[in-house]
N, C-alpha and C. Protein backbone atom coordinates (compact mmCIF):
# COMPACT_ATOMS: atom_id res chain seq x y z
N MET A 1 54.62 5.98 39.28
CA MET A 1 54.56 4.88 38.33
C MET A 1 53.21 4.16 38.43
N ASN A 2 52.75 3.96 39.66
CA ASN A 2 51.49 3.29 39.90
C ASN A 2 50.33 4.11 39.34
N GLU A 3 50.44 5.43 39.46
CA GLU A 3 49.39 6.32 38.93
C GLU A 3 49.30 6.21 37.42
N ILE A 4 50.39 6.09 36.77
CA ILE A 4 50.42 5.97 35.30
C ILE A 4 49.72 4.67 34.88
N LYS A 5 50.00 3.57 35.59
CA LYS A 5 49.34 2.30 35.28
C LYS A 5 47.83 2.41 35.47
N GLU A 6 47.41 3.07 36.55
CA GLU A 6 45.99 3.25 36.80
C GLU A 6 45.35 4.10 35.71
N GLU A 7 46.03 5.14 35.29
CA GLU A 7 45.52 6.00 34.21
C GLU A 7 45.40 5.22 32.90
N ILE A 8 46.39 4.38 32.63
CA ILE A 8 46.35 3.58 31.41
C ILE A 8 45.19 2.59 31.48
N HIS A 9 44.99 1.94 32.62
CA HIS A 9 43.86 1.00 32.77
C HIS A 9 42.53 1.74 32.66
N HIS A 10 42.46 2.91 33.25
CA HIS A 10 41.24 3.71 33.16
C HIS A 10 40.97 4.10 31.70
N PHE A 11 42.02 4.52 31.02
CA PHE A 11 41.88 4.89 29.61
C PHE A 11 41.43 3.69 28.77
N GLN A 12 41.99 2.52 29.05
CA GLN A 12 41.60 1.30 28.33
C GLN A 12 40.13 0.97 28.58
N ARG A 13 39.66 1.11 29.82
CA ARG A 13 38.25 0.84 30.13
C ARG A 13 37.34 1.82 29.41
N VAL A 14 37.72 3.09 29.44
CA VAL A 14 36.91 4.11 28.78
C VAL A 14 36.89 3.86 27.27
N LEU A 15 38.01 3.54 26.71
CA LEU A 15 38.10 3.26 25.28
C LEU A 15 37.27 2.03 24.90
N ARG A 16 37.35 0.97 25.70
CA ARG A 16 36.57 -0.24 25.46
C ARG A 16 35.07 0.08 25.54
N GLU A 17 34.68 0.85 26.54
CA GLU A 17 33.28 1.22 26.70
C GLU A 17 32.81 2.07 25.51
N TYR A 18 33.69 2.97 25.07
CA TYR A 18 33.35 3.81 23.91
C TYR A 18 33.10 2.95 22.68
N PHE A 19 33.98 1.99 22.40
CA PHE A 19 33.81 1.13 21.23
C PHE A 19 32.57 0.25 21.36
N GLU A 20 32.29 -0.24 22.55
CA GLU A 20 31.07 -1.03 22.75
C GLU A 20 29.83 -0.19 22.48
N LEU A 21 29.84 1.05 22.95
CA LEU A 21 28.71 1.93 22.69
C LEU A 21 28.57 2.27 21.21
N ARG A 22 29.69 2.47 20.55
CA ARG A 22 29.65 2.74 19.10
C ARG A 22 29.08 1.55 18.33
N ILE A 23 29.47 0.34 18.73
CA ILE A 23 28.95 -0.87 18.08
C ILE A 23 27.45 -0.98 18.34
N GLU A 24 27.03 -0.71 19.56
CA GLU A 24 25.61 -0.76 19.88
C GLU A 24 24.83 0.28 19.08
N LEU A 25 25.38 1.48 18.95
CA LEU A 25 24.74 2.53 18.16
C LEU A 25 24.64 2.12 16.69
N LEU A 26 25.68 1.51 16.17
CA LEU A 26 25.67 1.03 14.79
C LEU A 26 24.59 -0.04 14.60
N GLN A 27 24.47 -0.94 15.57
CA GLN A 27 23.43 -1.97 15.50
C GLN A 27 22.04 -1.33 15.52
N LEU A 28 21.82 -0.37 16.39
CA LEU A 28 20.51 0.28 16.47
C LEU A 28 20.20 1.05 15.19
N ASN A 29 21.19 1.71 14.63
CA ASN A 29 20.98 2.42 13.36
C ASN A 29 20.66 1.44 12.24
N THR A 30 21.32 0.28 12.26
CA THR A 30 21.05 -0.75 11.26
C THR A 30 19.63 -1.28 11.41
N TYR A 31 19.20 -1.55 12.64
CA TYR A 31 17.83 -2.00 12.88
C TYR A 31 16.82 -0.97 12.39
N ASP A 32 17.10 0.30 12.68
CA ASP A 32 16.20 1.37 12.25
C ASP A 32 16.11 1.42 10.73
N LEU A 33 17.25 1.32 10.07
CA LEU A 33 17.27 1.35 8.61
C LEU A 33 16.52 0.16 8.02
N ILE A 34 16.75 -1.03 8.57
CA ILE A 34 16.09 -2.23 8.04
C ILE A 34 14.58 -2.16 8.24
N THR A 35 14.14 -1.74 9.42
CA THR A 35 12.70 -1.67 9.66
C THR A 35 12.05 -0.59 8.81
N THR A 36 12.74 0.53 8.63
CA THR A 36 12.19 1.59 7.79
C THR A 36 12.09 1.13 6.34
N LEU A 37 13.14 0.49 5.84
CA LEU A 37 13.10 -0.03 4.47
C LEU A 37 12.01 -1.08 4.31
N GLY A 38 11.88 -1.96 5.30
CA GLY A 38 10.84 -2.97 5.25
C GLY A 38 9.45 -2.36 5.20
N ALA A 39 9.24 -1.34 6.02
CA ALA A 39 7.94 -0.67 6.03
C ALA A 39 7.68 0.04 4.71
N ARG A 40 8.70 0.69 4.17
CA ARG A 40 8.53 1.39 2.89
C ARG A 40 8.25 0.40 1.75
N PHE A 41 8.99 -0.69 1.71
CA PHE A 41 8.76 -1.68 0.66
C PHE A 41 7.40 -2.34 0.79
N SER A 42 6.98 -2.59 2.03
CA SER A 42 5.64 -3.16 2.24
C SER A 42 4.57 -2.20 1.77
N GLY A 43 4.72 -0.92 2.12
CA GLY A 43 3.76 0.08 1.67
C GLY A 43 3.74 0.21 0.16
N ALA A 44 4.93 0.19 -0.44
CA ALA A 44 5.01 0.29 -1.90
C ALA A 44 4.39 -0.94 -2.56
N PHE A 45 4.58 -2.11 -1.96
CA PHE A 45 3.99 -3.33 -2.51
C PHE A 45 2.47 -3.28 -2.45
N ILE A 46 1.93 -2.85 -1.32
CA ILE A 46 0.47 -2.76 -1.17
C ILE A 46 -0.09 -1.74 -2.16
N LEU A 47 0.58 -0.60 -2.30
CA LEU A 47 0.13 0.41 -3.24
C LEU A 47 0.21 -0.12 -4.67
N ALA A 48 1.29 -0.79 -5.01
CA ALA A 48 1.43 -1.36 -6.36
C ALA A 48 0.35 -2.40 -6.63
N LEU A 49 0.04 -3.20 -5.64
CA LEU A 49 -1.00 -4.21 -5.79
C LEU A 49 -2.36 -3.55 -6.04
N ALA A 50 -2.64 -2.48 -5.31
CA ALA A 50 -3.91 -1.76 -5.50
C ALA A 50 -3.96 -1.12 -6.89
N VAL A 51 -2.85 -0.54 -7.33
CA VAL A 51 -2.81 0.09 -8.65
C VAL A 51 -2.99 -0.97 -9.74
N LEU A 52 -2.29 -2.09 -9.61
CA LEU A 52 -2.41 -3.14 -10.62
C LEU A 52 -3.81 -3.73 -10.68
N THR A 53 -4.44 -3.91 -9.52
CA THR A 53 -5.81 -4.42 -9.49
C THR A 53 -6.75 -3.43 -10.17
N THR A 54 -6.57 -2.15 -9.87
CA THR A 54 -7.40 -1.11 -10.51
C THR A 54 -7.20 -1.10 -12.01
N LEU A 55 -5.94 -1.16 -12.44
CA LEU A 55 -5.67 -1.17 -13.88
C LEU A 55 -6.23 -2.42 -14.55
N LEU A 56 -6.19 -3.54 -13.85
CA LEU A 56 -6.76 -4.78 -14.40
C LEU A 56 -8.25 -4.61 -14.66
N PHE A 57 -8.98 -4.11 -13.67
CA PHE A 57 -10.42 -3.96 -13.84
C PHE A 57 -10.76 -2.87 -14.86
N LEU A 58 -9.97 -1.80 -14.89
CA LEU A 58 -10.19 -0.79 -15.92
C LEU A 58 -9.94 -1.37 -17.31
N GLY A 59 -8.91 -2.20 -17.44
CA GLY A 59 -8.62 -2.84 -18.72
C GLY A 59 -9.72 -3.79 -19.15
N ILE A 60 -10.24 -4.54 -18.20
CA ILE A 60 -11.35 -5.46 -18.52
C ILE A 60 -12.57 -4.66 -18.95
N GLY A 61 -12.87 -3.60 -18.20
CA GLY A 61 -14.02 -2.76 -18.57
C GLY A 61 -13.85 -2.12 -19.93
N LEU A 62 -12.65 -1.62 -20.20
CA LEU A 62 -12.38 -1.01 -21.50
C LEU A 62 -12.49 -2.04 -22.62
N SER A 63 -12.01 -3.25 -22.35
CA SER A 63 -12.10 -4.32 -23.35
C SER A 63 -13.55 -4.63 -23.69
N PHE A 64 -14.39 -4.74 -22.67
CA PHE A 64 -15.81 -4.99 -22.93
C PHE A 64 -16.45 -3.82 -23.66
N LEU A 65 -16.08 -2.60 -23.30
CA LEU A 65 -16.65 -1.42 -23.96
C LEU A 65 -16.27 -1.39 -25.45
N ILE A 66 -14.98 -1.56 -25.72
CA ILE A 66 -14.54 -1.58 -27.12
C ILE A 66 -15.16 -2.76 -27.85
N GLY A 67 -15.22 -3.93 -27.19
CA GLY A 67 -15.82 -5.11 -27.81
C GLY A 67 -17.28 -4.90 -28.14
N GLU A 68 -17.99 -4.22 -27.27
CA GLU A 68 -19.41 -3.95 -27.53
C GLU A 68 -19.57 -2.98 -28.70
N MET A 69 -18.68 -1.99 -28.77
CA MET A 69 -18.75 -1.02 -29.86
C MET A 69 -18.43 -1.68 -31.20
N LEU A 70 -17.54 -2.66 -31.19
CA LEU A 70 -17.12 -3.33 -32.43
C LEU A 70 -17.88 -4.64 -32.67
N ASN A 71 -18.81 -4.97 -31.79
CA ASN A 71 -19.60 -6.21 -31.88
C ASN A 71 -18.72 -7.46 -31.81
N SER A 72 -17.60 -7.35 -31.12
CA SER A 72 -16.72 -8.51 -30.95
C SER A 72 -15.90 -8.31 -29.67
N TYR A 73 -16.28 -9.05 -28.62
CA TYR A 73 -15.53 -8.92 -27.36
C TYR A 73 -14.08 -9.35 -27.52
N ALA A 74 -13.85 -10.33 -28.34
CA ALA A 74 -12.48 -10.80 -28.57
C ALA A 74 -11.63 -9.67 -29.15
N LEU A 75 -12.19 -8.94 -30.10
CA LEU A 75 -11.45 -7.82 -30.70
C LEU A 75 -11.20 -6.73 -29.66
N GLY A 76 -12.16 -6.49 -28.78
CA GLY A 76 -11.98 -5.51 -27.72
C GLY A 76 -10.84 -5.89 -26.80
N PHE A 77 -10.78 -7.16 -26.41
CA PHE A 77 -9.68 -7.62 -25.56
C PHE A 77 -8.35 -7.59 -26.31
N PHE A 78 -8.37 -7.91 -27.60
CA PHE A 78 -7.16 -7.87 -28.39
C PHE A 78 -6.62 -6.44 -28.47
N ILE A 79 -7.48 -5.47 -28.71
CA ILE A 79 -7.04 -4.07 -28.81
C ILE A 79 -6.48 -3.60 -27.48
N THR A 80 -7.17 -3.92 -26.39
CA THR A 80 -6.68 -3.52 -25.07
C THR A 80 -5.35 -4.20 -24.75
N GLY A 81 -5.23 -5.48 -25.09
CA GLY A 81 -3.97 -6.20 -24.88
C GLY A 81 -2.84 -5.61 -25.69
N ALA A 82 -3.13 -5.23 -26.94
CA ALA A 82 -2.10 -4.62 -27.80
C ALA A 82 -1.66 -3.27 -27.22
N PHE A 83 -2.61 -2.50 -26.69
CA PHE A 83 -2.27 -1.22 -26.07
C PHE A 83 -1.37 -1.44 -24.84
N ASN A 84 -1.72 -2.44 -24.02
CA ASN A 84 -0.88 -2.76 -22.86
C ASN A 84 0.51 -3.23 -23.29
N LEU A 85 0.57 -4.01 -24.35
CA LEU A 85 1.86 -4.46 -24.88
C LEU A 85 2.69 -3.28 -25.35
N LEU A 86 2.06 -2.31 -25.97
CA LEU A 86 2.75 -1.09 -26.40
C LEU A 86 3.30 -0.33 -25.19
N LEU A 87 2.51 -0.23 -24.13
CA LEU A 87 2.98 0.44 -22.91
C LEU A 87 4.17 -0.30 -22.30
N ILE A 88 4.12 -1.62 -22.31
CA ILE A 88 5.24 -2.41 -21.79
C ILE A 88 6.48 -2.19 -22.65
N PHE A 89 6.32 -2.17 -23.95
CA PHE A 89 7.44 -1.95 -24.87
C PHE A 89 8.07 -0.58 -24.61
N ILE A 90 7.25 0.45 -24.45
CA ILE A 90 7.77 1.80 -24.15
C ILE A 90 8.49 1.79 -22.80
N GLY A 91 7.91 1.08 -21.81
CA GLY A 91 8.55 0.98 -20.49
C GLY A 91 9.90 0.31 -20.54
N VAL A 92 10.03 -0.73 -21.36
CA VAL A 92 11.31 -1.43 -21.48
C VAL A 92 12.35 -0.55 -22.17
N ILE A 93 11.93 0.16 -23.20
CA ILE A 93 12.87 1.02 -23.93
C ILE A 93 13.36 2.16 -23.05
N PHE A 94 12.43 2.79 -22.32
CA PHE A 94 12.79 3.95 -21.52
C PHE A 94 12.87 3.62 -20.03
N LYS A 95 13.26 2.39 -19.71
CA LYS A 95 13.31 1.93 -18.32
C LYS A 95 14.18 2.82 -17.45
N ASN A 96 15.38 3.14 -17.91
CA ASN A 96 16.28 3.96 -17.10
C ASN A 96 15.72 5.35 -16.88
N THR A 97 15.19 5.96 -17.92
CA THR A 97 14.67 7.32 -17.81
C THR A 97 13.40 7.38 -16.98
N LEU A 98 12.49 6.43 -17.18
CA LEU A 98 11.18 6.50 -16.54
C LEU A 98 11.11 5.81 -15.18
N ILE A 99 11.96 4.79 -14.95
CA ILE A 99 11.81 4.00 -13.73
C ILE A 99 13.07 4.04 -12.86
N THR A 100 14.18 3.58 -13.40
CA THR A 100 15.39 3.40 -12.59
C THR A 100 15.93 4.70 -12.02
N ASN A 101 16.14 5.70 -12.86
CA ASN A 101 16.72 6.96 -12.37
C ASN A 101 15.83 7.67 -11.35
N PRO A 102 14.52 7.80 -11.57
CA PRO A 102 13.70 8.44 -10.53
C PRO A 102 13.71 7.69 -9.20
N ILE A 103 13.69 6.36 -9.25
CA ILE A 103 13.72 5.59 -8.00
C ILE A 103 15.07 5.77 -7.30
N ARG A 104 16.15 5.77 -8.06
CA ARG A 104 17.48 6.00 -7.47
C ARG A 104 17.55 7.36 -6.81
N LEU A 105 17.01 8.39 -7.47
CA LEU A 105 17.02 9.73 -6.88
C LEU A 105 16.21 9.79 -5.60
N ILE A 106 15.07 9.16 -5.59
CA ILE A 106 14.23 9.13 -4.38
C ILE A 106 14.97 8.44 -3.24
N LEU A 107 15.58 7.29 -3.53
CA LEU A 107 16.32 6.57 -2.49
C LEU A 107 17.53 7.35 -2.00
N LEU A 108 18.25 8.00 -2.92
CA LEU A 108 19.41 8.80 -2.51
C LEU A 108 18.99 9.96 -1.62
N LYS A 109 17.91 10.66 -1.99
CA LYS A 109 17.42 11.76 -1.16
C LYS A 109 17.03 11.26 0.21
N TRP A 110 16.37 10.08 0.25
CA TRP A 110 15.95 9.53 1.53
C TRP A 110 17.17 9.17 2.40
N ILE A 111 18.19 8.56 1.78
CA ILE A 111 19.39 8.17 2.54
C ILE A 111 20.13 9.41 3.04
N ILE A 112 20.25 10.42 2.18
CA ILE A 112 20.95 11.65 2.60
C ILE A 112 20.20 12.32 3.73
N ARG A 113 18.87 12.39 3.63
CA ARG A 113 18.07 13.00 4.70
C ARG A 113 18.22 12.19 5.99
N LYS A 114 18.27 10.87 5.86
CA LYS A 114 18.41 9.99 7.02
C LYS A 114 19.76 10.19 7.69
N ARG A 115 20.81 10.40 6.90
CA ARG A 115 22.16 10.56 7.46
C ARG A 115 22.33 11.90 8.16
N LYS A 116 21.57 12.91 7.73
CA LYS A 116 21.67 14.23 8.38
C LYS A 116 21.10 14.21 9.79
N HIS A 117 20.15 13.30 10.03
CA HIS A 117 19.51 13.25 11.36
C HIS A 117 20.27 12.34 12.23
């Protein structure tokens, strides 16, 4: 009878230790996921900032070029602004096809690859 009690206590200790280790593993996996996501978002933000800055200066240069060709800088900036507005309009219309779905697929592939390891 005493042996059975000892076995039960031993089993309880092992089970408690197992759950504590599982919780610790879950916490470490969560930390890993959060830091990886943070690094990816930071990298994407820096890249987006660089792309937007480049596009801004290219747009300004194109505006001056068109303005010089038409002898009106204002008209050059208006044409470039209208072209950018057209691109924004196309982006809004096709947001799911061009932006949302590809980003979802990339994130799903990343999560699935992460879960396999």
